[in-house]
Amino acid sequence: MSTHPPTTPYPRFHLAFPVTDLAEARRFYGGVLGCAEGRSAPDWVDFDFHGHQIVAHRVDRPSMAEATSDVDGRQVPVRHFGAIVDPPTFDALAAKFRAAGVRFVIEPCVRFAGEPGEQATMFFQDPFGNAIEFKAFRDMNRLFAK
């Protein structure tokens, strides 16, 4: 089952990232995040991440960066990917992830409160240390507001 409407406009992004266990990647991305699985091979599997293609590549050992950056008073993992969703979807995902026992790097919260870029955000890691962010803007027209 696709996680996006069939009319998702182009362009879409593609992101490949390292994992050490494809079965665990399938459990997390397919089971916990609800991403439909696409093509695969013995050393990789792709997933439908809200209409975008992400690909887990099996490696012998992870090469994860630990770098963080201060964003509105919180240390955000620099190397991350994610999706921008509407506020009701954000709330539903936060509840789903909590129920699944996901440990948040940054708990669901609002950052830049009262500013043009006000947004809800949450960060967590997959089982291999890849950081994932979901965010929601009350007004999508403010996505790039200064």
N, C-alpha and C. Protein backbone atom coordinates (compact mmCIF):
# COMPACT_ATOMS: atom_id res chain seq x y z
N MET A 1 0.84 -1.18 0.00
CA MET A 1 0.00 0.00 0.00
C MET A 1 0.88 1.23 0.00
N SER A 2 0.59 2.17 -0.88
CA SER A 2 1.37 3.40 -0.98
C SER A 2 1.05 4.32 0.19
N THR A 3 2.05 5.07 0.64
CA THR A 3 1.85 6.00 1.75
C THR A 3 1.56 7.41 1.26
N HIS A 4 1.35 7.59 -0.04
CA HIS A 4 1.10 8.92 -0.59
C HIS A 4 -0.03 8.87 -1.60
N PRO A 5 -0.68 10.01 -1.85
CA PRO A 5 -1.72 10.02 -2.87
C PRO A 5 -1.10 9.81 -4.25
N PRO A 6 -1.82 9.16 -5.16
CA PRO A 6 -1.26 8.89 -6.48
C PRO A 6 -0.95 10.15 -7.28
N THR A 7 -1.44 11.29 -6.85
CA THR A 7 -1.20 12.53 -7.59
C THR A 7 -0.05 13.34 -7.02
N THR A 8 0.82 12.71 -6.21
CA THR A 8 1.96 13.44 -5.65
C THR A 8 2.76 14.05 -6.80
N PRO A 9 2.98 15.36 -6.76
CA PRO A 9 3.68 16.03 -7.87
C PRO A 9 5.18 15.72 -7.87
N TYR A 10 5.79 15.88 -9.01
CA TYR A 10 7.24 15.78 -9.14
C TYR A 10 7.82 17.15 -8.88
N PRO A 11 9.07 17.32 -8.52
CA PRO A 11 10.02 16.24 -8.32
C PRO A 11 9.87 15.60 -6.94
N ARG A 12 10.37 14.40 -6.86
CA ARG A 12 10.43 13.67 -5.59
C ARG A 12 11.89 13.48 -5.25
N PHE A 13 12.19 13.37 -3.97
CA PHE A 13 13.60 13.15 -3.64
C PHE A 13 13.90 11.67 -3.51
N HIS A 14 15.19 11.36 -3.63
CA HIS A 14 15.73 10.02 -3.46
C HIS A 14 16.86 10.14 -2.45
N LEU A 15 16.87 9.25 -1.47
CA LEU A 15 17.93 9.26 -0.49
C LEU A 15 18.35 7.83 -0.21
N ALA A 16 19.63 7.56 -0.26
CA ALA A 16 20.18 6.25 0.11
C ALA A 16 20.95 6.43 1.41
N PHE A 17 20.88 5.42 2.27
CA PHE A 17 21.51 5.53 3.59
C PHE A 17 21.96 4.14 4.04
N PRO A 18 22.96 4.08 4.94
CA PRO A 18 23.50 2.79 5.37
C PRO A 18 22.72 2.16 6.51
N VAL A 19 22.61 0.84 6.46
CA VAL A 19 22.05 0.04 7.55
C VAL A 19 22.92 -1.21 7.66
N THR A 20 22.86 -1.88 8.80
CA THR A 20 23.66 -3.09 8.97
C THR A 20 22.83 -4.36 8.88
N ASP A 21 21.51 -4.25 8.84
CA ASP A 21 20.63 -5.43 8.84
C ASP A 21 19.35 -5.10 8.06
N LEU A 22 19.19 -5.71 6.88
CA LEU A 22 18.02 -5.40 6.06
C LEU A 22 16.71 -5.88 6.67
N ALA A 23 16.73 -6.99 7.40
CA ALA A 23 15.51 -7.46 8.06
C ALA A 23 15.04 -6.44 9.09
N GLU A 24 15.97 -5.90 9.86
CA GLU A 24 15.63 -4.88 10.84
C GLU A 24 15.17 -3.60 10.15
N ALA A 25 15.80 -3.25 9.03
CA ALA A 25 15.36 -2.08 8.26
C ALA A 25 13.92 -2.28 7.77
N ARG A 26 13.60 -3.47 7.30
CA ARG A 26 12.23 -3.75 6.85
C ARG A 26 11.25 -3.64 8.02
N ARG A 27 11.64 -4.15 9.18
CA ARG A 27 10.76 -4.06 10.34
C ARG A 27 10.51 -2.61 10.73
N PHE A 28 11.56 -1.81 10.76
CA PHE A 28 11.42 -0.43 11.18
C PHE A 28 10.72 0.43 10.13
N TYR A 29 11.24 0.44 8.92
CA TYR A 29 10.67 1.31 7.89
C TYR A 29 9.31 0.81 7.40
N GLY A 30 9.16 -0.50 7.25
CA GLY A 30 7.88 -1.05 6.84
C GLY A 30 6.88 -1.14 7.97
N GLY A 31 7.32 -1.68 9.11
CA GLY A 31 6.42 -1.90 10.24
C GLY A 31 6.14 -0.67 11.06
N VAL A 32 7.19 -0.04 11.59
CA VAL A 32 7.00 1.10 12.48
C VAL A 32 6.57 2.35 11.71
N LEU A 33 7.29 2.68 10.62
CA LEU A 33 6.97 3.90 9.88
C LEU A 33 5.86 3.69 8.85
N GLY A 34 5.55 2.45 8.51
CA GLY A 34 4.47 2.19 7.56
C GLY A 34 4.82 2.46 6.11
N CYS A 35 6.09 2.40 5.75
CA CYS A 35 6.52 2.63 4.37
C CYS A 35 6.35 1.36 3.55
N ALA A 36 5.69 1.49 2.40
CA ALA A 36 5.56 0.35 1.49
C ALA A 36 6.93 0.02 0.91
N GLU A 37 7.20 -1.27 0.77
CA GLU A 37 8.47 -1.70 0.20
C GLU A 37 8.37 -1.71 -1.31
N GLY A 38 9.44 -1.26 -1.97
CA GLY A 38 9.53 -1.28 -3.41
C GLY A 38 10.46 -2.38 -3.86
N ARG A 39 11.34 -2.05 -4.77
CA ARG A 39 12.31 -3.04 -5.27
C ARG A 39 13.34 -3.35 -4.19
N SER A 40 14.01 -4.52 -4.39
CA SER A 40 15.07 -4.88 -3.45
C SER A 40 16.03 -5.84 -4.13
N ALA A 41 17.16 -6.01 -3.50
CA ALA A 41 18.20 -6.95 -3.91
C ALA A 41 18.82 -7.47 -2.62
N PRO A 42 19.75 -8.40 -2.71
CA PRO A 42 20.33 -8.94 -1.47
C PRO A 42 20.98 -7.89 -0.57
N ASP A 43 21.44 -6.77 -1.12
CA ASP A 43 22.15 -5.77 -0.32
C ASP A 43 21.42 -4.44 -0.19
N TRP A 44 20.19 -4.32 -0.70
CA TRP A 44 19.46 -3.06 -0.56
C TRP A 44 17.96 -3.29 -0.70
N VAL A 45 17.20 -2.33 -0.18
CA VAL A 45 15.73 -2.34 -0.31
C VAL A 45 15.26 -0.89 -0.36
N ASP A 46 14.31 -0.62 -1.28
CA ASP A 46 13.79 0.74 -1.29
C ASP A 46 12.39 0.79 -0.71
N PHE A 47 12.05 1.97 -0.18
CA PHE A 47 10.78 2.19 0.50
C PHE A 47 10.12 3.46 -0.02
N ASP A 48 8.80 3.48 0.05
CA ASP A 48 7.99 4.65 -0.29
C ASP A 48 7.83 5.47 0.98
N PHE A 49 8.59 6.55 1.10
CA PHE A 49 8.56 7.42 2.27
C PHE A 49 7.75 8.66 1.91
N HIS A 50 6.44 8.58 2.13
CA HIS A 50 5.53 9.69 1.84
C HIS A 50 5.70 10.20 0.41
N GLY A 51 5.77 9.25 -0.54
CA GLY A 51 5.88 9.61 -1.95
C GLY A 51 7.29 9.80 -2.44
N HIS A 52 8.27 9.60 -1.58
CA HIS A 52 9.67 9.76 -1.96
C HIS A 52 10.37 8.41 -1.81
N GLN A 53 11.44 8.24 -2.57
CA GLN A 53 12.16 6.96 -2.55
C GLN A 53 13.36 7.05 -1.62
N ILE A 54 13.35 6.20 -0.59
CA ILE A 54 14.52 6.07 0.27
C ILE A 54 15.02 4.63 0.13
N VAL A 55 16.33 4.47 0.17
CA VAL A 55 16.92 3.16 -0.07
C VAL A 55 17.90 2.81 1.05
N ALA A 56 17.63 1.70 1.73
CA ALA A 56 18.51 1.20 2.77
C ALA A 56 19.54 0.28 2.11
N HIS A 57 20.81 0.61 2.25
CA HIS A 57 21.91 -0.20 1.70
C HIS A 57 22.63 -0.88 2.84
N ARG A 58 22.75 -2.20 2.76
CA ARG A 58 23.44 -2.95 3.81
C ARG A 58 24.94 -2.70 3.71
N VAL A 59 25.53 -2.37 4.86
CA VAL A 59 26.97 -2.19 4.98
C VAL A 59 27.46 -3.03 6.15
N ASP A 60 28.74 -3.34 6.16
CA ASP A 60 29.28 -4.15 7.25
C ASP A 60 29.31 -3.40 8.57
N ARG A 61 29.57 -2.13 8.52
CA ARG A 61 29.52 -1.33 9.74
C ARG A 61 29.05 0.07 9.39
N PRO A 62 28.26 0.65 10.25
CA PRO A 62 27.72 1.98 9.94
C PRO A 62 28.79 3.06 9.97
N SER A 63 28.60 4.04 9.16
CA SER A 63 29.50 5.20 9.18
C SER A 63 28.63 6.43 9.41
N MET A 64 28.21 6.60 10.64
CA MET A 64 27.27 7.64 11.01
C MET A 64 28.01 8.84 11.60
N ALA A 65 27.64 10.00 11.15
CA ALA A 65 28.20 11.23 11.71
C ALA A 65 27.44 11.58 12.99
N GLU A 66 28.15 12.08 13.97
CA GLU A 66 27.55 12.46 15.24
C GLU A 66 27.30 13.95 15.33
N ALA A 67 27.55 14.69 14.26
CA ALA A 67 27.46 16.15 14.30
C ALA A 67 26.03 16.61 14.59
N THR A 68 25.94 17.66 15.41
CA THR A 68 24.66 18.30 15.70
C THR A 68 24.80 19.80 15.47
N SER A 69 23.65 20.46 15.37
CA SER A 69 23.63 21.91 15.17
C SER A 69 22.53 22.48 16.06
N ASP A 70 22.80 23.65 16.67
CA ASP A 70 21.81 24.29 17.52
C ASP A 70 20.72 24.91 16.65
N VAL A 71 19.49 24.44 16.83
CA VAL A 71 18.33 24.99 16.12
C VAL A 71 17.28 25.31 17.16
N ASP A 72 17.04 26.58 17.37
CA ASP A 72 16.05 27.06 18.33
C ASP A 72 16.25 26.42 19.72
N GLY A 73 17.53 26.34 20.14
CA GLY A 73 17.84 25.85 21.47
C GLY A 73 17.91 24.34 21.63
N ARG A 74 17.81 23.59 20.54
CA ARG A 74 17.90 22.13 20.61
C ARG A 74 19.01 21.65 19.68
N GLN A 75 19.70 20.58 20.09
CA GLN A 75 20.76 20.02 19.26
C GLN A 75 20.15 19.05 18.24
N VAL A 76 20.11 19.49 16.98
CA VAL A 76 19.51 18.73 15.88
C VAL A 76 20.60 17.92 15.19
N PRO A 77 20.37 16.63 14.94
CA PRO A 77 21.34 15.85 14.17
C PRO A 77 21.50 16.47 12.78
N VAL A 78 22.72 16.80 12.39
CA VAL A 78 22.94 17.44 11.10
C VAL A 78 22.53 16.51 9.96
N ARG A 79 22.98 15.28 10.02
CA ARG A 79 22.66 14.32 8.95
C ARG A 79 21.31 13.70 9.26
N HIS A 80 20.28 14.12 8.53
CA HIS A 80 18.94 13.58 8.74
C HIS A 80 18.11 13.77 7.48
N PHE A 81 16.99 13.08 7.43
CA PHE A 81 16.02 13.28 6.38
C PHE A 81 14.65 13.20 7.02
N GLY A 82 13.62 13.57 6.27
CA GLY A 82 12.30 13.53 6.86
C GLY A 82 11.22 13.93 5.89
N ALA A 83 10.04 14.18 6.44
CA ALA A 83 8.89 14.57 5.64
C ALA A 83 8.17 15.71 6.33
N ILE A 84 7.57 16.56 5.52
CA ILE A 84 6.73 17.65 6.01
C ILE A 84 5.29 17.20 5.80
N VAL A 85 4.55 17.14 6.88
CA VAL A 85 3.17 16.66 6.84
C VAL A 85 2.26 17.73 7.42
N ASP A 86 0.94 17.54 7.32
CA ASP A 86 0.01 18.49 7.90
C ASP A 86 -0.08 18.24 9.41
N PRO A 87 -0.57 19.23 10.17
CA PRO A 87 -0.62 19.08 11.64
C PRO A 87 -1.38 17.85 12.15
N PRO A 88 -2.56 17.50 11.60
CA PRO A 88 -3.23 16.29 12.11
C PRO A 88 -2.40 15.01 11.86
N THR A 89 -1.73 14.95 10.71
CA THR A 89 -0.88 13.79 10.42
C THR A 89 0.30 13.75 11.38
N PHE A 90 0.88 14.91 11.66
CA PHE A 90 2.00 15.00 12.60
C PHE A 90 1.58 14.43 13.96
N ASP A 91 0.42 14.88 14.47
CA ASP A 91 -0.06 14.41 15.77
C ASP A 91 -0.30 12.90 15.77
N ALA A 92 -0.89 12.39 14.68
CA ALA A 92 -1.15 10.95 14.58
C ALA A 92 0.15 10.16 14.52
N LEU A 93 1.14 10.66 13.78
CA LEU A 93 2.43 9.98 13.71
C LEU A 93 3.13 9.99 15.07
N ALA A 94 3.10 11.12 15.76
CA ALA A 94 3.73 11.20 17.08
C ALA A 94 3.11 10.16 18.02
N ALA A 95 1.79 10.04 18.00
CA ALA A 95 1.12 9.05 18.85
C ALA A 95 1.51 7.63 18.44
N LYS A 96 1.55 7.38 17.13
CA LYS A 96 1.92 6.05 16.62
C LYS A 96 3.35 5.69 17.04
N PHE A 97 4.27 6.64 16.90
CA PHE A 97 5.66 6.37 17.24
C PHE A 97 5.83 6.14 18.74
N ARG A 98 5.11 6.92 19.54
CA ARG A 98 5.17 6.70 21.00
C ARG A 98 4.66 5.31 21.35
N ALA A 99 3.54 4.91 20.73
CA ALA A 99 2.96 3.59 21.00
C ALA A 99 3.91 2.47 20.58
N ALA A 100 4.72 2.73 19.55
CA ALA A 100 5.68 1.73 19.07
C ALA A 100 6.96 1.73 19.89
N GLY A 101 7.07 2.63 20.88
CA GLY A 101 8.25 2.66 21.73
C GLY A 101 9.43 3.39 21.12
N VAL A 102 9.20 4.21 20.11
CA VAL A 102 10.29 4.97 19.50
C VAL A 102 10.87 5.93 20.53
N ARG A 103 12.20 5.95 20.62
CA ARG A 103 12.89 6.87 21.52
C ARG A 103 13.24 8.12 20.74
N PHE A 104 12.72 9.25 21.16
CA PHE A 104 12.92 10.50 20.44
C PHE A 104 14.26 11.13 20.80
N VAL A 105 14.94 11.65 19.80
CA VAL A 105 16.12 12.50 20.01
C VAL A 105 15.62 13.88 20.42
N ILE A 106 14.59 14.35 19.76
CA ILE A 106 13.87 15.57 20.13
C ILE A 106 12.40 15.21 20.15
N GLU A 107 11.81 15.28 21.32
CA GLU A 107 10.38 14.96 21.49
C GLU A 107 9.53 15.88 20.61
N PRO A 108 8.35 15.43 20.20
CA PRO A 108 7.46 16.30 19.44
C PRO A 108 7.26 17.63 20.18
N CYS A 109 7.49 18.73 19.47
CA CYS A 109 7.43 20.05 20.06
C CYS A 109 7.20 21.09 18.96
N VAL A 110 7.02 22.33 19.38
CA VAL A 110 6.92 23.44 18.44
C VAL A 110 8.20 24.26 18.57
N ARG A 111 8.82 24.57 17.43
CA ARG A 111 9.99 25.43 17.47
C ARG A 111 9.70 26.69 16.66
N PHE A 112 10.46 27.72 16.93
CA PHE A 112 10.27 29.04 16.33
C PHE A 112 8.87 29.57 16.61
N ALA A 113 8.38 29.31 17.82
CA ALA A 113 7.03 29.74 18.20
C ALA A 113 6.85 31.23 17.99
N GLY A 114 5.75 31.61 17.33
CA GLY A 114 5.43 33.00 17.08
C GLY A 114 6.23 33.65 15.97
N GLU A 115 7.15 32.90 15.36
CA GLU A 115 7.98 33.43 14.28
C GLU A 115 7.44 32.95 12.94
N PRO A 116 7.93 33.54 11.83
CA PRO A 116 7.43 33.12 10.51
C PRO A 116 7.61 31.62 10.23
N GLY A 117 8.66 31.02 10.74
CA GLY A 117 8.91 29.61 10.47
C GLY A 117 8.38 28.66 11.54
N GLU A 118 7.39 29.09 12.33
CA GLU A 118 6.86 28.24 13.39
C GLU A 118 6.46 26.88 12.83
N GLN A 119 6.89 25.82 13.54
CA GLN A 119 6.64 24.46 13.06
C GLN A 119 6.66 23.47 14.20
N ALA A 120 5.89 22.41 14.03
CA ALA A 120 5.99 21.26 14.94
C ALA A 120 7.09 20.38 14.38
N THR A 121 7.87 19.77 15.26
CA THR A 121 8.96 18.91 14.80
C THR A 121 9.17 17.77 15.79
N MET A 122 9.73 16.68 15.29
CA MET A 122 10.19 15.57 16.14
C MET A 122 11.31 14.87 15.41
N PHE A 123 12.27 14.40 16.17
CA PHE A 123 13.42 13.66 15.64
C PHE A 123 13.56 12.34 16.38
N PHE A 124 13.94 11.31 15.65
CA PHE A 124 14.30 10.03 16.24
C PHE A 124 15.26 9.34 15.31
N GLN A 125 15.82 8.23 15.75
CA GLN A 125 16.76 7.49 14.92
C GLN A 125 16.19 6.13 14.57
N ASP A 126 16.57 5.65 13.39
CA ASP A 126 16.24 4.27 13.04
C ASP A 126 17.21 3.36 13.81
N PRO A 127 17.08 2.05 13.71
CA PRO A 127 17.95 1.15 14.48
C PRO A 127 19.43 1.24 14.12
N PHE A 128 19.77 2.00 13.05
CA PHE A 128 21.16 2.08 12.59
C PHE A 128 21.78 3.44 12.84
N GLY A 129 21.05 4.32 13.54
CA GLY A 129 21.58 5.63 13.86
C GLY A 129 21.25 6.72 12.85
N ASN A 130 20.47 6.41 11.81
CA ASN A 130 20.07 7.44 10.85
C ASN A 130 18.97 8.29 11.48
N ALA A 131 19.16 9.60 11.50
CA ALA A 131 18.20 10.51 12.12
C ALA A 131 17.08 10.84 11.13
N ILE A 132 15.84 10.85 11.64
CA ILE A 132 14.65 11.12 10.84
C ILE A 132 13.87 12.23 11.52
N GLU A 133 13.39 13.18 10.72
CA GLU A 133 12.58 14.28 11.25
C GLU A 133 11.24 14.31 10.54
N PHE A 134 10.18 14.51 11.31
CA PHE A 134 8.87 14.85 10.76
C PHE A 134 8.56 16.24 11.26
N LYS A 135 8.00 17.07 10.38
CA LYS A 135 7.63 18.41 10.79
C LYS A 135 6.32 18.79 10.15
N ALA A 136 5.65 19.79 10.75
CA ALA A 136 4.37 20.27 10.25
C ALA A 136 4.31 21.78 10.43
N PHE A 137 3.84 22.45 9.40
CA PHE A 137 3.62 23.89 9.45
C PHE A 137 2.12 24.13 9.50
N ARG A 138 1.70 25.04 10.37
CA ARG A 138 0.29 25.40 10.42
C ARG A 138 -0.11 26.05 9.09
N ASP A 139 0.85 26.78 8.48
CA ASP A 139 0.62 27.44 7.20
C ASP A 139 1.74 27.05 6.25
N MET A 140 1.46 26.16 5.31
CA MET A 140 2.50 25.68 4.38
C MET A 140 3.08 26.81 3.54
N ASN A 141 2.37 27.92 3.41
CA ASN A 141 2.91 29.06 2.68
C ASN A 141 4.08 29.71 3.41
N ARG A 142 4.30 29.32 4.65
CA ARG A 142 5.39 29.87 5.47
C ARG A 142 6.61 28.96 5.48
N LEU A 143 6.61 27.92 4.65
CA LEU A 143 7.70 26.94 4.63
C LEU A 143 9.06 27.61 4.50
N PHE A 144 9.19 28.60 3.63
CA PHE A 144 10.47 29.27 3.43
C PHE A 144 10.48 30.71 3.93
N ALA A 145 9.52 31.05 4.78
CA ALA A 145 9.41 32.42 5.28
C ALA A 145 10.63 32.79 6.13
N LYS A 146 11.05 34.04 5.99
CA LYS A 146 12.21 34.53 6.76
C LYS A 146 11.74 35.33 7.95
